[in-house]
């Protein structure tokens, strides 16, 4: 029986924390604690029809090949049926926005429908939510890891992450005040690899291995992440013919010792490596690993939002990952975005560059362990010469995405200011001693490019700012360098060369579609000289636009009268290819030429 719900729930939610937070229901049925929220949306496509059959009385059987409607006699078969019924019930409960009290009533109702008074079946059915939770954990679900974070003002440049609420911060001696639930990568990877359809999606990049394997530079046209040059640089991670030294941890300070350091330390007899962080001498075994097409590359993402209408004090944020091995058509669906933690932003101190590091720490630790030790999985599908079965799968974080403010938080780049560009040493200028800095001389910079930032040269500056605990001095150093510290993601550099400057990608959505295209279109439509007849003609041309099937797969602009509801995708598709077809003759010829060249 393939439980696709297992991988989805482990990605986007976890079971209610009733076993850890002692949540109870009040008189009105609302839940005081951690409810099993958003269950249905994560398990909706878990109940795969290819692996489920229903008999006449509505009971489901996993992997059944006969039409016999008799009650299953084995305990395993009963448990499979019960788990399936519970998941269907939880989907309904999620649609109803039910509390735990209501869920228990719903489960009792489902038990009556399923068991029909059969005492032998009733003994297997859970009697309350706690027993239901226990049953679901047996098939792969788990609670998130609870951490307690200290960001006390007495240690402005440092943080501490504790596993117990009674533990004391190593810097101030106080207990952690910010509760954080982290949903680890280890179980996610196991569930991803145990599902046949998920493995099939993750094999998409291997089907196009000619684009990046034994190929240097980008592959044109650029349609997927693996068509870029960065993917070909790390192709050894999947190449079965490649062998590399596995990094390890320092036995004294637990810092990463890179595979390159280990390889260079061999004296003909053993590997003695000196840790760069603490100076301890480590004797390593010199373990090696081979590339494997079942290894997984991840895309990280961080973003904050207001959970209620309008701005409020209860701001939140989410750290999530997606599987890069999939095609972007699959990867960009909401069901393939896997949350690893929700950040209570309203509890996080403002203007603390290290604040987000505390929430990223468990993820970075998991990524390090996954790359070094791997995760033992039961892979559900063959990939090339590699057969399904027990294997070790390793993960790497290939890139990090987010909007501009989010990338500045994660990468510890200054948000605007004198040096606003995180890729080049581009200096802004202010007008008449104002507080706003602008980037000018674009034509000059196009002919004479500005020197790029090189990670090896910038790490020293980043580290100096990171180690500075005086807020005023730290702020002045940040203004003159463009950094607010050393990103926690830089720890991945020793593993496979993660570059926090180039691998934190640009936010194209806000930069072009929602910025340049949005402003120009709305400036044209709101021009007093644009008549209603012109707008009507524009709508007619948009309606007659012959979109290709590939473009139709998403959102397409249909009417300028509803431009207020357009998303980034609609602005992008209007700019190219629609604008050249619909704007001709409606705007000034000179303006039209400039627009077409820009689009």
Protein backbone atom coordinates (compact mmCIF):
# COMPACT_ATOMS: atom_id res chain seq x y z
CA UNK A 1 0.00 0.00 0.00
CA UNK A 2 1.50 3.34 -1.05
CA UNK A 3 0.66 6.18 1.32
CA UNK A 4 1.31 9.34 -0.64
CA UNK A 5 -0.25 11.18 2.28
CA UNK A 6 2.72 10.24 4.41
CA UNK A 7 5.21 12.29 2.42
CA UNK A 8 2.85 15.23 2.00
CA UNK A 9 1.89 15.46 5.65
CA UNK A 10 5.47 15.23 6.71
CA UNK A 11 6.22 18.06 4.33
CA UNK A 12 3.48 20.54 5.06
CA UNK A 13 2.17 19.69 8.49
CA UNK A 14 2.54 17.37 11.42
CA UNK A 15 0.18 15.63 13.74
CA UNK A 16 -1.29 17.80 16.47
CA UNK A 17 1.04 18.42 19.34
CA UNK A 18 -1.50 17.16 21.86
CA UNK A 19 1.00 14.64 23.13
CA UNK A 20 3.55 17.34 23.90
CA UNK A 21 1.56 20.51 24.58
CA UNK A 22 -1.30 18.91 26.50
CA UNK A 23 -3.95 20.67 24.43
CA UNK A 24 -7.55 20.22 25.54
CA UNK A 25 -10.90 21.25 24.14
CA UNK A 26 -13.04 23.83 25.89
CA UNK A 27 -16.80 23.93 26.31
CA UNK A 28 -17.37 25.37 22.84
CA UNK A 29 -15.17 22.76 21.23
CA UNK A 30 -12.26 25.07 20.36
CA UNK A 31 -8.77 23.66 20.82
CA UNK A 32 -6.33 25.06 23.35
CA UNK A 33 -2.97 23.81 22.18
CA UNK A 34 -1.62 22.71 18.82
CA UNK A 35 -4.49 21.53 16.58
CA UNK A 36 -4.09 19.13 13.68
CA UNK A 37 -4.49 21.97 11.23
CA UNK A 38 -4.35 21.93 7.45
CA UNK A 39 -4.57 18.18 7.30
CA UNK A 40 -6.82 17.78 4.32
CA UNK A 41 -4.83 19.94 1.95
CA UNK A 42 -1.71 17.84 2.53
CA UNK A 43 -3.29 14.39 2.28
CA UNK A 44 -5.84 15.10 -0.41
CA UNK A 45 -3.80 13.49 -3.17
CA UNK A 46 -2.47 10.85 -0.82
CA UNK A 47 -5.28 8.40 -1.40
CA UNK A 48 -4.05 7.07 -4.72
CA UNK A 49 -6.75 5.31 -6.68
CA UNK A 50 -4.13 3.16 -8.36
CA UNK A 51 -3.42 1.47 -5.04
CA UNK A 52 -6.90 1.53 -3.50
CA UNK A 53 -10.03 -0.44 -4.27
CA UNK A 54 -13.39 -0.06 -2.60
CA UNK A 55 -15.86 -2.84 -2.06
CA UNK A 56 -19.61 -2.52 -2.09
CA UNK A 57 -20.05 -1.43 1.51
CA UNK A 58 -17.46 1.36 1.19
CA UNK A 59 -14.49 -0.27 2.87
CA UNK A 60 -11.10 0.23 1.20
CA UNK A 61 -8.47 -2.36 0.66
CA UNK A 62 -4.82 -1.73 -0.01
CA UNK A 63 -3.36 -3.73 -2.84
CA UNK A 64 -6.41 -5.98 -3.10
CA UNK A 65 -6.70 -7.84 -6.37
CA UNK A 66 -9.97 -9.69 -5.79
CA UNK A 67 -13.54 -8.54 -5.72
CA UNK A 68 -14.31 -10.43 -2.50
CA UNK A 69 -16.04 -8.03 -0.08
CA UNK A 70 -15.40 -10.07 3.04
CA UNK A 71 -13.86 -8.39 6.08
CA UNK A 72 -10.06 -8.75 6.16
CA UNK A 73 -8.96 -11.14 8.85
CA UNK A 74 -5.31 -10.15 9.28
CA UNK A 75 -4.40 -7.38 11.69
CA UNK A 76 -2.24 -5.70 9.05
CA UNK A 77 -5.12 -5.58 6.59
CA UNK A 78 -7.47 -4.14 9.22
CA UNK A 79 -4.90 -1.51 10.17
CA UNK A 80 -4.50 -0.46 6.53
CA UNK A 81 -8.26 -0.10 6.18
CA UNK A 82 -8.53 1.88 9.40
CA UNK A 83 -5.68 4.23 8.45
CA UNK A 84 -7.34 4.88 5.09
CA UNK A 85 -10.68 5.61 6.78
CA UNK A 86 -9.06 7.93 9.32
CA UNK A 87 -7.29 9.89 6.59
CA UNK A 88 -10.56 10.34 4.72
CA UNK A 89 -12.13 11.52 7.97
CA UNK A 90 -9.32 14.00 8.62
CA UNK A 91 -9.73 15.44 5.14
CA UNK A 92 -13.39 16.06 5.91
CA UNK A 93 -12.50 17.50 9.31
CA UNK A 94 -10.09 19.94 7.68
CA UNK A 95 -12.76 21.14 5.26
CA UNK A 96 -15.07 21.67 8.24
CA UNK A 97 -12.32 23.49 10.22
CA UNK A 98 -13.02 21.12 13.08
CA UNK A 99 -11.57 21.15 16.59
CA UNK A 100 -10.07 18.06 18.22
CA UNK A 101 -13.37 17.47 20.05
CA UNK A 102 -15.23 17.48 16.74
CA UNK A 103 -12.59 15.24 15.15
CA UNK A 104 -13.07 12.64 17.86
CA UNK A 105 -16.82 12.71 17.26
CA UNK A 106 -16.19 12.32 13.54
CA UNK A 107 -13.85 9.38 14.14
CA UNK A 108 -16.47 7.67 16.30
CA UNK A 109 -19.01 8.15 13.52
CA UNK A 110 -16.54 6.68 11.01
CA UNK A 111 -15.97 3.73 13.34
CA UNK A 112 -19.71 2.99 13.44
CA UNK A 113 -19.87 3.08 9.62
CA UNK A 114 -16.83 0.88 9.22
CA UNK A 115 -17.24 -1.67 12.01
CA UNK A 116 -21.04 -1.98 11.86
CA UNK A 117 -21.10 -3.41 15.37
CA UNK A 118 -18.36 -5.98 14.73
CA UNK A 119 -16.54 -6.27 18.08
CA UNK A 120 -13.48 -7.84 16.44
CA UNK A 121 -13.03 -4.74 14.29
CA UNK A 122 -13.84 -2.26 17.06
CA UNK A 123 -10.90 -3.47 19.14
CA UNK A 124 -8.53 -2.17 16.47
CA UNK A 125 -10.21 1.21 16.07
CA UNK A 126 -8.70 4.07 18.13
CA UNK A 127 -11.04 5.43 20.79
CA UNK A 128 -9.65 9.01 20.97
CA UNK A 129 -7.28 11.40 19.24
CA UNK A 130 -4.23 10.25 21.19
CA UNK A 131 -4.72 6.66 20.08
CA UNK A 132 -5.32 7.89 16.53
CA UNK A 133 -2.06 9.81 16.71
CA UNK A 134 -0.25 6.68 17.88
CA UNK A 135 -1.68 4.63 15.01
CA UNK A 136 -0.67 7.22 12.40
CA UNK A 137 2.86 7.38 13.80
CA UNK A 138 3.19 3.66 13.16
CA UNK A 139 2.80 4.29 9.42
CA UNK A 140 5.33 7.13 9.23
CA UNK A 141 3.96 10.28 10.80
CA UNK A 142 5.83 12.02 13.57
CA UNK A 143 5.62 15.09 15.78
CA UNK A 144 7.87 18.02 15.01
CA UNK A 145 10.93 18.61 17.13
CA UNK A 146 10.33 21.27 19.77
CA UNK A 147 13.06 23.85 20.33
CA UNK A 148 13.37 26.82 22.67
CA UNK A 149 15.25 29.82 21.32
CA UNK A 150 16.94 32.60 23.28
CA UNK A 151 17.52 35.95 21.58
CA UNK A 152 18.06 38.02 24.71
CA UNK A 153 19.33 41.56 24.18
CA UNK A 154 22.30 40.89 26.47
CA UNK A 155 23.95 38.91 23.67
CA UNK A 156 23.05 41.00 20.62
CA UNK A 157 25.23 39.09 18.15
CA UNK A 158 24.52 35.57 19.44
CA UNK A 159 21.64 33.16 19.89
CA UNK A 160 21.08 29.79 21.47
CA UNK A 161 18.80 26.90 20.49
CA UNK A 162 17.79 24.52 23.28
CA UNK A 163 15.89 21.24 23.15
CA UNK A 164 14.31 21.58 26.61
CA UNK A 165 12.35 24.44 28.14
CA UNK A 166 14.35 23.93 31.36
CA UNK A 167 17.71 24.34 29.60
CA UNK A 168 19.61 27.56 30.08
CA UNK A 169 21.12 29.76 27.40
CA UNK A 170 24.89 29.40 27.20
CA UNK A 171 25.27 33.19 26.86
CA UNK A 172 22.86 34.65 29.44
CA UNK A 173 21.81 31.69 31.58
CA UNK A 174 18.12 32.27 30.92
CA UNK A 175 15.65 29.71 29.51
CA UNK A 176 14.55 30.02 25.89
CA UNK A 177 11.53 32.28 25.43
CA UNK A 178 10.60 31.53 21.80
CA UNK A 179 9.00 28.16 21.09
CA UNK A 180 9.80 26.72 17.66
CA UNK A 181 8.57 23.50 16.07
CA UNK A 182 10.84 22.01 13.42
CA UNK A 183 9.78 19.28 10.99
CA UNK A 184 13.00 17.48 10.09
CA UNK A 185 14.33 16.39 6.70
CA UNK A 186 15.17 12.82 7.70
CA UNK A 187 11.59 11.54 7.79
CA UNK A 188 10.64 13.57 4.73
CA UNK A 189 13.34 11.90 2.65
CA UNK A 190 12.30 8.42 3.81
CA UNK A 191 8.67 9.06 2.88
CA UNK A 192 9.52 10.69 -0.45
CA UNK A 193 11.64 7.72 -1.47
CA UNK A 194 9.07 5.15 -0.32
CA UNK A 195 6.43 6.48 -2.70
CA UNK A 196 6.53 5.25 -6.30
CA UNK A 197 4.90 8.31 -7.89
CA UNK A 198 7.20 10.65 -5.96
CA UNK A 199 10.25 8.71 -7.13
CA UNK A 200 8.96 8.96 -10.67
CA UNK A 201 8.73 12.74 -10.38
CA UNK A 202 12.20 12.95 -8.83
CA UNK A 203 13.65 11.03 -11.78
CA UNK A 204 12.73 13.79 -14.26
CA UNK A 205 16.15 15.44 -14.06
CA UNK A 206 17.84 12.10 -14.79
CA UNK A 207 15.75 11.69 -17.94
CA UNK A 208 17.43 14.89 -19.20
CA UNK A 209 20.93 14.06 -17.95
CA UNK A 210 22.39 14.91 -21.37
CA UNK A 211 21.78 18.58 -20.48
CA UNK A 212 24.17 18.59 -17.52
CA UNK A 213 26.09 15.31 -17.18
CA UNK A 214 29.50 15.48 -18.89
CA UNK A 215 28.51 18.91 -20.16
CA UNK A 216 30.13 22.20 -19.15
CA UNK A 217 28.23 25.46 -19.04
CA UNK A 218 24.52 26.11 -19.66
CA UNK A 219 22.28 24.11 -21.98
CA UNK A 220 20.11 26.23 -24.26
CA UNK A 221 17.25 26.87 -24.26
CA UNK A 222 17.18 27.35 -20.51
CA UNK A 223 13.95 25.70 -19.39
CA UNK A 224 14.90 23.94 -16.18
CA UNK A 225 17.27 24.48 -13.26
CA UNK A 226 19.51 21.66 -14.49
CA UNK A 227 19.97 23.51 -17.79
CA UNK A 228 22.08 26.10 -15.96
CA UNK A 229 25.82 26.01 -15.44
CA UNK A 230 25.58 25.66 -11.64
CA UNK A 231 23.93 22.24 -11.92
CA UNK A 232 26.64 20.94 -14.22
CA UNK A 233 29.26 22.09 -11.69
CA UNK A 234 27.85 19.71 -9.05
CA UNK A 235 26.96 16.91 -11.48
CA UNK A 236 29.40 14.64 -9.59
CA UNK A 237 26.74 14.37 -6.88
CA UNK A 238 24.64 12.20 -9.24
CA UNK A 239 27.28 10.83 -11.63
CA UNK A 240 27.77 7.10 -10.88
CA UNK A 241 31.32 7.31 -12.23
CA UNK A 242 32.32 10.09 -9.79
CA UNK A 243 33.95 9.42 -6.43
CA UNK A 244 34.69 11.97 -3.71
CA UNK A 245 35.86 12.16 -0.12
CA UNK A 246 33.07 12.54 2.40
CA UNK A 247 33.38 15.52 4.77
CA UNK A 248 33.29 14.86 8.50
CA UNK A 249 32.79 16.75 11.75
CA UNK A 250 35.53 17.89 14.07
CA UNK A 251 35.62 15.64 17.14
CA UNK A 252 36.07 18.69 19.39
CA UNK A 253 33.89 21.56 18.06
CA UNK A 254 31.63 19.67 15.57
CA UNK A 255 32.57 22.03 12.73
CA UNK A 256 32.67 20.64 9.21
CA UNK A 257 35.98 19.40 7.84
CA UNK A 258 35.75 19.39 4.06
CA UNK A 259 36.51 16.43 1.84
CA UNK A 260 39.23 18.45 0.13
CA UNK A 261 40.99 19.02 3.47
CA UNK A 262 40.83 15.30 4.24
CA UNK A 263 42.18 14.36 0.81
CA UNK A 264 45.11 16.77 1.11
CA UNK A 265 45.97 15.61 4.64
CA UNK A 266 46.96 12.06 3.67
CA UNK A 267 50.55 11.37 4.70
CA UNK A 268 50.81 7.94 3.14
CA UNK A 269 49.53 6.19 6.24
CA UNK A 270 46.51 8.04 7.66
CA UNK A 271 44.45 11.21 7.38
CA UNK A 272 45.34 13.72 10.12
CA UNK A 273 43.36 16.92 9.64
CA UNK A 274 43.57 20.12 11.65
CA UNK A 275 40.22 21.82 12.20
CA UNK A 276 40.24 25.38 10.84
CA UNK A 277 37.86 26.59 13.57
CA UNK A 278 39.32 25.16 16.80
CA UNK A 279 42.75 23.82 15.80
CA UNK A 280 42.05 20.29 17.01
CA UNK A 281 43.78 17.46 15.14
CA UNK A 282 41.36 14.84 13.82
CA UNK A 283 42.25 11.39 12.54
CA UNK A 284 39.80 10.58 9.74
CA UNK A 285 39.04 7.33 8.00
CA UNK A 286 39.02 8.89 4.53
CA UNK A 287 35.58 7.53 3.64
CA UNK A 288 34.45 8.04 0.06
CA UNK A 289 31.12 8.13 -1.73
CA UNK A 290 29.97 7.65 -5.30
CA UNK A 291 27.47 9.70 -7.24
CA UNK A 292 23.92 8.34 -7.25
CA UNK A 293 20.98 9.51 -9.44
CA UNK A 294 18.72 8.94 -6.42
CA UNK A 295 20.40 11.74 -4.47
CA UNK A 296 18.20 14.77 -3.88
CA UNK A 297 18.81 18.48 -4.49
CA UNK A 298 16.65 20.95 -2.59
CA UNK A 299 15.54 24.54 -3.04
CA UNK A 300 15.16 26.53 0.18
CA UNK A 301 12.72 29.37 0.66
CA UNK A 302 11.85 31.85 3.40
CA UNK A 303 9.04 34.38 3.48
CA UNK A 304 6.94 36.24 6.04
CA UNK A 305 3.32 37.32 5.91
CA UNK A 306 0.43 38.79 7.86
CA UNK A 307 -1.97 35.97 8.78
CA UNK A 308 -4.91 38.33 9.27
CA UNK A 309 -6.44 41.00 7.07
CA UNK A 310 -4.31 44.09 7.08
CA UNK A 311 -1.09 44.55 8.99
CA UNK A 312 -1.11 43.30 12.55
CA UNK A 313 1.31 42.54 15.36
CA UNK A 314 0.99 38.76 14.85
CA UNK A 315 3.31 38.38 11.86
CA UNK A 316 4.43 34.91 10.84
CA UNK A 317 6.89 33.33 8.46
CA UNK A 318 7.61 29.92 6.96
CA UNK A 319 10.81 28.10 6.06
CA UNK A 320 10.17 25.50 3.40
CA UNK A 321 11.93 23.36 0.82
CA UNK A 322 11.04 21.88 -2.55
CA UNK A 323 12.66 19.07 -4.52
CA UNK A 324 14.75 20.38 -7.39
CA UNK A 325 14.97 16.96 -9.09
CA UNK A 326 11.36 17.42 -10.27
CA UNK A 327 10.28 19.35 -13.32
CA UNK A 328 9.15 22.89 -12.57
CA UNK A 329 5.60 21.90 -13.54
CA UNK A 330 5.50 19.50 -10.60
CA UNK A 331 7.86 21.39 -8.32
CA UNK A 332 5.86 24.62 -8.35
CA UNK A 333 2.56 23.09 -7.19
CA UNK A 334 1.52 23.83 -3.61
CA UNK A 335 1.41 20.12 -2.78
CA UNK A 336 5.16 19.85 -3.44
CA UNK A 337 6.19 22.65 -1.07
CA UNK A 338 7.34 21.13 2.22
CA UNK A 339 7.34 23.31 5.31
CA UNK A 340 10.09 22.65 7.83
CA UNK A 341 9.11 25.33 10.34
CA UNK A 342 6.84 28.29 11.08
CA UNK A 343 8.57 31.33 12.56
CA UNK A 344 6.62 33.50 15.06
CA UNK A 345 8.03 36.76 13.69
CA UNK A 346 6.13 38.88 16.22
CA UNK A 347 8.26 37.35 18.98
CA UNK A 348 11.57 37.89 17.18
CA UNK A 349 13.51 41.07 18.13
CA UNK A 350 13.82 43.67 15.41
CA UNK A 351 17.11 44.64 13.80
CA UNK A 352 18.91 41.49 14.91
CA UNK A 353 20.86 40.08 11.93
CA UNK A 354 21.30 36.75 13.72
CA UNK A 355 17.59 36.35 14.60
CA UNK A 356 16.70 34.11 11.65
CA UNK A 357 19.83 31.97 12.14
CA UNK A 358 18.28 30.39 15.23
CA UNK A 359 15.37 29.07 13.16
CA UNK A 360 17.60 27.97 10.27
CA UNK A 361 20.04 26.15 12.57
CA UNK A 362 18.10 22.81 12.71
CA UNK A 363 17.68 22.77 8.92
CA UNK A 364 21.35 23.48 8.25
CA UNK A 365 22.31 20.78 10.74
CA UNK A 366 20.03 18.30 8.97
CA UNK A 367 21.52 19.25 5.59
CA UNK A 368 25.04 18.68 6.90
CA UNK A 369 24.14 15.28 8.35
CA UNK A 370 22.24 14.28 5.22
CA UNK A 371 25.21 15.06 2.98
CA UNK A 372 27.79 13.38 5.24
CA UNK A 373 25.89 10.36 6.55
CA UNK A 374 22.93 10.12 4.18
CA UNK A 375 19.53 8.64 4.95
CA UNK A 376 18.78 4.93 4.70
CA UNK A 377 15.62 4.54 2.60
CA UNK A 378 13.64 1.90 0.79
CA UNK A 379 13.61 3.37 -2.71
CA UNK A 380 10.36 2.50 -4.49
CA UNK A 381 11.41 2.73 -8.15
CA UNK A 382 14.23 1.76 -10.48
CA UNK A 383 16.33 4.56 -11.96
CA UNK A 384 18.48 3.43 -14.82
CA UNK A 385 20.76 0.64 -13.63
CA UNK A 386 19.85 1.30 -10.00
CA UNK A 387 17.17 -1.06 -8.75
CA UNK A 388 14.55 -0.31 -6.14
CA UNK A 389 15.26 -1.36 -2.55
CA UNK A 390 17.44 -0.36 0.39
CA UNK A 391 19.96 2.38 -0.32
CA UNK A 392 21.57 5.52 1.12
CA UNK A 393 20.25 8.83 -0.23
CA UNK A 394 22.08 12.12 0.33
CA UNK A 395 20.71 15.66 0.06
CA UNK A 396 22.18 19.01 -0.83
CA UNK A 397 20.71 22.52 -0.79
CA UNK A 398 21.52 23.87 -4.24
CA UNK A 399 19.98 27.32 -4.02
CA UNK A 400 17.87 29.60 -1.83
CA UNK A 401 14.92 31.68 -3.03
CA UNK A 402 12.80 34.49 -1.63
CA UNK A 403 11.89 38.10 -2.19
CA UNK A 404 14.51 40.83 -1.76
CA UNK A 405 13.98 41.48 1.99
CA UNK A 406 13.94 37.74 2.69
CA UNK A 407 17.17 37.15 0.76
CA UNK A 408 18.81 39.96 2.71
CA UNK A 409 17.77 38.31 5.97
CA UNK A 410 18.98 34.84 5.03
CA UNK A 411 22.16 35.89 3.22
CA UNK A 412 22.87 38.76 5.65
CA UNK A 413 23.05 41.42 3.00
CA UNK A 414 22.20 45.01 3.78
CA UNK A 415 18.73 45.97 2.59
CA UNK A 416 19.37 48.91 0.20
CA UNK A 417 21.88 51.49 1.49
CA UNK A 418 25.22 52.53 0.02
CA UNK A 419 26.12 49.08 -1.34
CA UNK A 420 22.74 47.56 -2.25
CA UNK A 421 23.92 44.99 -4.82
CA UNK A 422 24.92 41.62 -3.37
CA UNK A 423 26.60 40.48 -6.60
CA UNK A 424 28.82 43.48 -7.45
CA UNK A 425 30.67 46.30 -5.69
CA UNK A 426 28.17 48.84 -6.95
CA UNK A 427 28.06 52.03 -4.89
CA UNK A 428 24.90 54.09 -4.65
CA UNK A 429 24.79 57.89 -4.64
CA UNK A 430 22.48 60.18 -2.72
CA UNK A 431 21.05 63.41 -4.09
CA UNK A 432 21.49 66.63 -2.13
CA UNK A 433 22.65 64.72 0.96
CA UNK A 434 19.37 62.86 1.21
CA UNK A 435 18.87 59.53 2.94
CA UNK A 436 17.95 57.59 -0.23
CA UNK A 437 20.69 56.15 -2.42
CA UNK A 438 20.27 55.68 -6.17
CA UNK A 439 22.15 53.66 -8.78
CA UNK A 440 23.04 55.77 -11.80
CA UNK A 441 25.38 55.75 -14.81
CA UNK A 442 23.77 52.58 -16.16
CA UNK A 443 25.15 53.06 -19.69
CA UNK A 444 28.66 53.55 -18.30
CA UNK A 445 28.36 50.41 -16.16
CA UNK A 446 27.11 48.46 -19.18
CA UNK A 447 30.31 49.31 -21.07
CA UNK A 448 32.61 49.04 -18.05
CA UNK A 449 31.16 46.41 -15.69
CA UNK A 450 31.62 46.81 -11.95
CA UNK A 451 33.89 44.29 -10.23
CA UNK A 452 31.93 41.30 -8.92
CA UNK A 453 31.98 40.19 -5.31
CA UNK A 454 34.10 37.06 -4.86
CA UNK A 455 33.16 34.91 -1.89
CA UNK A 456 36.73 34.04 -0.93
CA UNK A 457 37.55 37.76 -0.72
CA UNK A 458 34.37 38.73 1.12
CA UNK A 459 34.27 36.05 3.83
CA UNK A 460 36.75 37.93 5.98
CA UNK A 461 34.56 41.04 5.96
CA UNK A 462 31.46 38.98 6.72
CA UNK A 463 33.16 37.20 9.62
CA UNK A 464 34.44 40.45 11.13
CA UNK A 465 30.92 41.86 11.19
CA UNK A 466 29.48 38.58 12.50
CA UNK A 467 31.92 38.57 15.44
CA UNK A 468 31.23 42.22 16.35
CA UNK A 469 28.84 42.45 19.34
CA UNK A 470 28.62 46.26 19.55
CA UNK A 471 25.47 47.27 17.62
CA UNK A 472 26.75 50.72 16.59
CA UNK A 473 30.10 49.45 15.31
CA UNK A 474 28.38 46.58 13.56
CA UNK A 475 25.98 48.96 11.84
CA UNK A 476 28.82 51.16 10.56
CA UNK A 477 30.70 48.14 9.22
CA UNK A 478 27.55 46.97 7.45
CA UNK A 479 27.05 50.33 5.72
CA UNK A 480 30.55 50.30 4.30
CA UNK A 481 30.54 46.68 3.15
CA UNK A 482 26.95 45.74 2.24
CA UNK A 483 26.87 42.81 4.70
CA UNK A 484 25.21 42.44 8.08
CA UNK A 485 27.19 39.33 9.01
CA UNK A 486 28.12 35.84 7.84
CA UNK A 487 25.13 33.78 6.71
CA UNK A 488 24.50 30.48 8.45
CA UNK A 489 24.19 28.96 4.95
CA UNK A 490 27.93 29.53 4.52
CA UNK A 491 28.42 26.40 6.64
CA UNK A 492 27.38 24.44 3.54
CA UNK A 493 30.33 25.84 1.59
CA UNK A 494 32.71 23.24 3.02
CA UNK A 495 30.41 20.44 1.90
CA UNK A 496 29.99 21.19 -1.80
CA UNK A 497 30.88 24.83 -2.37
CA UNK A 498 27.55 26.54 -1.61
CA UNK A 499 28.09 30.21 -2.48
CA UNK A 500 25.89 32.53 -0.43
CA UNK A 501 26.52 35.35 -2.93
CA UNK A 502 25.54 33.56 -6.14
CA UNK A 503 23.32 30.74 -4.82
CA UNK A 504 20.83 33.08 -3.16
CA UNK A 505 19.07 33.86 -6.42
CA UNK A 506 17.50 37.12 -7.56
CA UNK A 507 13.83 37.79 -6.94
CA UNK A 508 12.67 38.11 -10.55
CA UNK A 509 8.96 38.10 -9.69
CA UNK A 510 9.05 41.37 -7.74
CA UNK A 511 11.83 42.96 -9.80
CA UNK A 512 10.30 42.69 -13.28
CA UNK A 513 6.64 41.56 -13.53
CA UNK A 514 5.36 43.22 -10.35
CA UNK A 515 7.64 46.23 -10.66
CA UNK A 516 8.67 47.34 -14.16
CA UNK A 517 5.82 45.75 -16.14
CA UNK A 518 3.19 46.64 -13.55
CA UNK A 519 4.16 50.30 -13.38
CA UNK A 520 4.40 50.81 -17.15
CA UNK A 521 1.06 49.14 -17.92
CA UNK A 522 -0.79 50.99 -15.19
CA UNK A 523 0.84 54.29 -16.17
CA UNK A 524 -0.45 53.77 -19.71
CA UNK A 525 -3.97 52.74 -18.61
CA UNK A 526 -4.29 55.58 -16.11
CA UNK A 527 -3.15 58.20 -18.58
CA UNK A 528 -5.90 60.75 -19.03
CA UNK A 529 -5.47 60.65 -22.80
CA UNK A 530 -6.29 56.91 -23.02
CA UNK A 531 -9.96 56.67 -23.97
CA UNK A 532 -12.41 53.94 -23.02
CA UNK A 533 -12.47 52.89 -26.70
CA UNK A 534 -8.71 52.25 -26.55
CA UNK A 535 -9.10 50.16 -23.41
CA UNK A 536 -11.95 48.24 -25.04
CA UNK A 537 -9.80 47.51 -28.08
CA UNK A 538 -7.00 46.33 -25.80
CA UNK A 539 -9.38 43.89 -24.10
CA UNK A 540 -10.61 42.55 -27.46
CA UNK A 541 -7.06 41.90 -28.62
CA UNK A 542 -6.22 40.16 -25.36
CA UNK A 543 -9.32 37.97 -25.69
CA UNK A 544 -8.27 37.02 -29.25
CA UNK A 545 -4.66 36.28 -28.23
CA UNK A 546 -3.68 32.79 -29.55
CA UNK A 547 -2.00 31.43 -26.43
CA UNK A 548 0.00 28.24 -26.84
CA UNK A 549 -0.88 25.18 -24.78
CA UNK A 550 2.27 25.70 -22.71
CA UNK A 551 1.28 29.26 -21.81
CA UNK A 552 -2.31 28.22 -21.14
CA UNK A 553 -1.16 25.82 -18.44
CA UNK A 554 -0.99 28.74 -15.98
CA UNK A 555 -2.66 32.12 -15.63
CA UNK A 556 -2.96 34.33 -18.70
CA UNK A 557 -4.07 38.00 -18.86
CA UNK A 558 -7.63 38.18 -20.18
CA UNK A 559 -8.83 41.69 -19.49
CA UNK A 560 -7.20 44.97 -18.48
CA UNK A 561 -10.36 45.98 -16.64
CA UNK A 562 -9.39 43.37 -14.02
CA UNK A 563 -5.72 44.31 -13.89
CA UNK A 564 -6.01 44.92 -10.16
CA UNK A 565 -6.30 41.15 -9.69
CA UNK A 566 -3.43 40.21 -11.99
CA UNK A 567 -0.63 38.10 -10.55
CA UNK A 568 3.05 38.14 -11.49
CA UNK A 569 2.51 35.41 -14.08
CA UNK A 570 -0.09 37.47 -15.91
CA UNK A 571 2.14 40.55 -15.99
CA UNK A 572 5.02 38.42 -17.29
CA UNK A 573 2.97 36.88 -20.09
CA UNK A 574 1.54 40.26 -21.02
CA UNK A 575 5.06 41.67 -21.38
CA UNK A 576 6.06 38.74 -23.56
CA UNK A 577 4.63 37.64 -25.88
CA UNK A 578 1.25 39.43 -25.67
CA UNK A 579 2.26 43.09 -25.54
CA UNK A 580 3.79 43.18 -29.04
CA UNK A 581 0.50 41.88 -30.47
CA UNK A 582 -1.98 43.96 -28.49
CA UNK A 583 -0.24 47.34 -28.07
CA UNK A 584 0.59 48.01 -31.73
CA UNK A 585 -1.25 51.10 -32.93
CA UNK A 586 -2.64 51.88 -29.48
CA UNK A 587 0.46 53.64 -28.14
CA UNK A 588 2.92 56.13 -29.56
CA UNK A 589 5.27 54.53 -32.11
CA UNK A 590 8.43 55.65 -30.33
CA UNK A 591 7.12 54.39 -26.99
CA UNK A 592 6.09 51.11 -28.65
CA UNK A 593 9.61 50.53 -30.02
CA UNK A 594 11.11 51.12 -26.56
CA UNK A 595 8.55 48.78 -24.99
CA UNK A 596 9.18 45.98 -27.50
CA UNK A 597 12.94 46.23 -27.01
CA UNK A 598 12.51 46.08 -23.22
CA UNK A 599 10.04 43.20 -23.33
